[in-house]
Amino acid sequence: QVQLGESGGGLVQAGGSLRLSCAASGRTFSNYTMGWFRQAPGMHREFVAAITWRGGSRYYTDSVKGRFTISKDSAKNTLYLQMNSLEPGDTALYYCAAAVSSANLLRGQGDYWGRGTQVTVSS
């Protein structure tokens, strides 16, 4: 059974940093693209960042470029999101997702999803 488990969320002041982790289990993800999405209250879920597990190609939404960095540890089957210079607008529930198709994942069509970890940025 495939499981994606997010951790690392919390409350931080504007300008601060957090690192999210997503532990993946239940299968090998070498042919997958994995990524992060977020959903703020009353808003649609939006794409944040993604990385191809094999080649390491990275994708970011414009609003986080230069502030967030996505990375992976293949040996640990773990995905990370380093978030710096956090802003109140980054407040959301952050989800980890995986898909065989990069195009599908970037469209929000993941094959697997975690349950999310809450990030709250105070002003």
Protein backbone atom coordinates (compact mmCIF):
# COMPACT_ATOMS: atom_id res chain seq x y z
CA GLN A 1 0.00 0.00 0.00
CA VAL A 2 1.46 3.32 -1.07
CA GLN A 3 1.66 5.95 1.63
CA LEU A 4 2.87 9.54 1.58
CA GLY A 5 3.35 11.10 4.99
CA GLU A 6 4.04 14.82 5.37
CA SER A 7 5.67 16.44 8.39
CA GLY A 8 7.45 19.64 9.34
CA GLY A 9 4.61 22.12 9.27
CA GLY A 10 4.01 24.64 12.03
CA LEU A 11 3.61 28.26 13.00
CA VAL A 12 6.32 30.69 11.97
CA GLN A 13 6.69 34.44 11.75
CA ALA A 14 6.94 36.20 8.41
CA GLY A 15 10.50 36.02 7.11
CA GLY A 16 11.11 32.70 8.83
CA SER A 17 11.82 29.25 7.44
CA LEU A 18 10.41 25.75 7.58
CA ARG A 19 11.38 22.46 5.98
CA LEU A 20 8.64 20.05 5.02
CA SER A 21 9.29 16.35 4.59
CA CYS A 22 7.30 13.68 2.77
CA ALA A 23 8.17 10.07 3.54
CA ALA A 24 7.08 7.74 0.76
CA SER A 25 6.55 4.03 1.15
CA GLY A 26 4.87 1.07 -0.51
CA ARG A 27 6.61 1.15 -3.89
CA THR A 28 9.63 2.49 -5.73
CA PHE A 29 9.25 5.98 -7.11
CA SER A 30 12.15 6.04 -9.56
CA ASN A 31 9.80 6.61 -12.51
CA TYR A 32 7.64 9.15 -10.73
CA THR A 33 7.47 12.89 -10.40
CA MET A 34 6.78 14.06 -6.87
CA GLY A 35 5.66 17.43 -5.73
CA TRP A 36 4.06 19.77 -3.26
CA PHE A 37 0.68 21.43 -3.44
CA ARG A 38 -1.07 23.75 -1.02
CA GLN A 39 -4.61 24.77 -0.22
CA ALA A 40 -5.53 27.84 1.76
CA PRO A 41 -8.98 28.17 3.40
CA GLY A 42 -11.62 28.94 0.80
CA MET A 43 -9.17 28.51 -2.07
CA HIS A 44 -8.50 25.84 -4.66
CA ARG A 45 -5.51 23.57 -4.22
CA GLU A 46 -2.53 24.96 -6.13
CA PHE A 47 0.75 23.58 -7.41
CA VAL A 48 3.87 24.68 -5.51
CA ALA A 49 6.87 22.65 -6.69
CA ALA A 50 7.79 19.32 -8.26
CA ILE A 51 10.85 17.20 -8.97
CA THR A 52 11.40 14.20 -11.21
CA TRP A 53 12.72 11.34 -9.13
CA ARG A 54 15.09 10.01 -11.79
CA GLY A 55 16.51 13.12 -13.43
CA GLY A 56 15.99 15.68 -10.71
CA SER A 57 14.33 18.28 -12.94
CA ARG A 58 12.62 20.90 -10.80
CA TYR A 59 9.49 22.98 -11.36
CA TYR A 60 8.15 25.87 -9.27
CA THR A 61 5.16 28.12 -9.30
CA ASP A 62 6.22 31.73 -9.85
CA SER A 63 5.23 32.95 -6.38
CA VAL A 64 7.76 30.70 -4.63
CA LYS A 65 10.71 30.92 -7.01
CA GLY A 66 13.82 32.07 -5.18
CA ARG A 67 12.27 31.31 -1.78
CA PHE A 68 11.38 27.59 -1.87
CA THR A 69 13.62 24.69 -2.84
CA ILE A 70 12.40 21.17 -3.58
CA SER A 71 14.78 18.25 -3.12
CA LYS A 72 14.80 14.50 -2.56
CA ASP A 73 16.75 11.81 -0.80
CA SER A 74 16.43 8.71 -2.94
CA ALA A 75 18.02 6.45 -0.31
CA LYS A 76 15.41 7.52 2.24
CA ASN A 77 12.54 7.75 -0.27
CA THR A 78 11.85 11.19 1.12
CA LEU A 79 10.85 14.45 -0.53
CA TYR A 80 11.62 17.84 1.00
CA LEU A 81 10.49 21.43 0.60
CA GLN A 82 12.75 24.06 2.11
CA MET A 83 10.74 27.23 2.55
CA ASN A 84 12.56 30.48 3.26
CA SER A 85 11.39 34.09 3.52
CA LEU A 86 7.91 32.88 4.35
CA GLU A 87 5.01 35.28 3.88
CA PRO A 88 1.50 35.28 5.36
CA GLY A 89 0.24 34.38 1.88
CA ASP A 90 2.07 31.05 2.17
CA THR A 91 -0.31 29.97 4.93
CA ALA A 92 -2.01 26.77 3.77
CA LEU A 93 -2.30 23.03 4.17
CA TYR A 94 0.63 21.57 2.23
CA TYR A 95 0.23 18.23 0.46
CA CYS A 96 2.75 15.83 -1.01
CA ALA A 97 1.78 14.05 -4.23
CA ALA A 98 3.25 11.64 -6.76
CA ALA A 99 2.41 10.78 -10.36
CA VAL A 100 3.96 8.78 -13.18
CA SER A 101 3.19 11.63 -15.58
CA SER A 102 4.91 14.94 -14.86
CA ALA A 103 2.34 16.74 -16.96
CA ASN A 104 -0.49 15.24 -14.94
CA LEU A 105 1.12 16.12 -11.64
CA LEU A 106 1.68 19.74 -12.68
CA ARG A 107 -2.03 19.85 -13.53
CA GLY A 108 -2.84 18.63 -10.05
CA GLN A 109 -3.66 15.08 -11.10
CA GLY A 110 -1.62 13.02 -8.71
CA ASP A 111 -1.70 9.23 -8.54
CA TYR A 112 -1.03 9.34 -4.79
CA TRP A 113 -1.60 12.03 -2.16
CA GLY A 114 -0.64 12.57 1.44
CA ARG A 115 -2.96 14.00 4.07
CA GLY A 116 -1.16 17.30 4.43
CA THR A 117 0.73 19.35 7.00
CA GLN A 118 -0.37 22.80 8.12
CA VAL A 119 1.87 25.82 7.60
CA THR A 120 0.83 29.07 9.25
CA VAL A 121 2.81 32.27 8.75
CA SER A 122 2.04 35.16 11.07
CA SER A 123 2.63 38.78 10.15
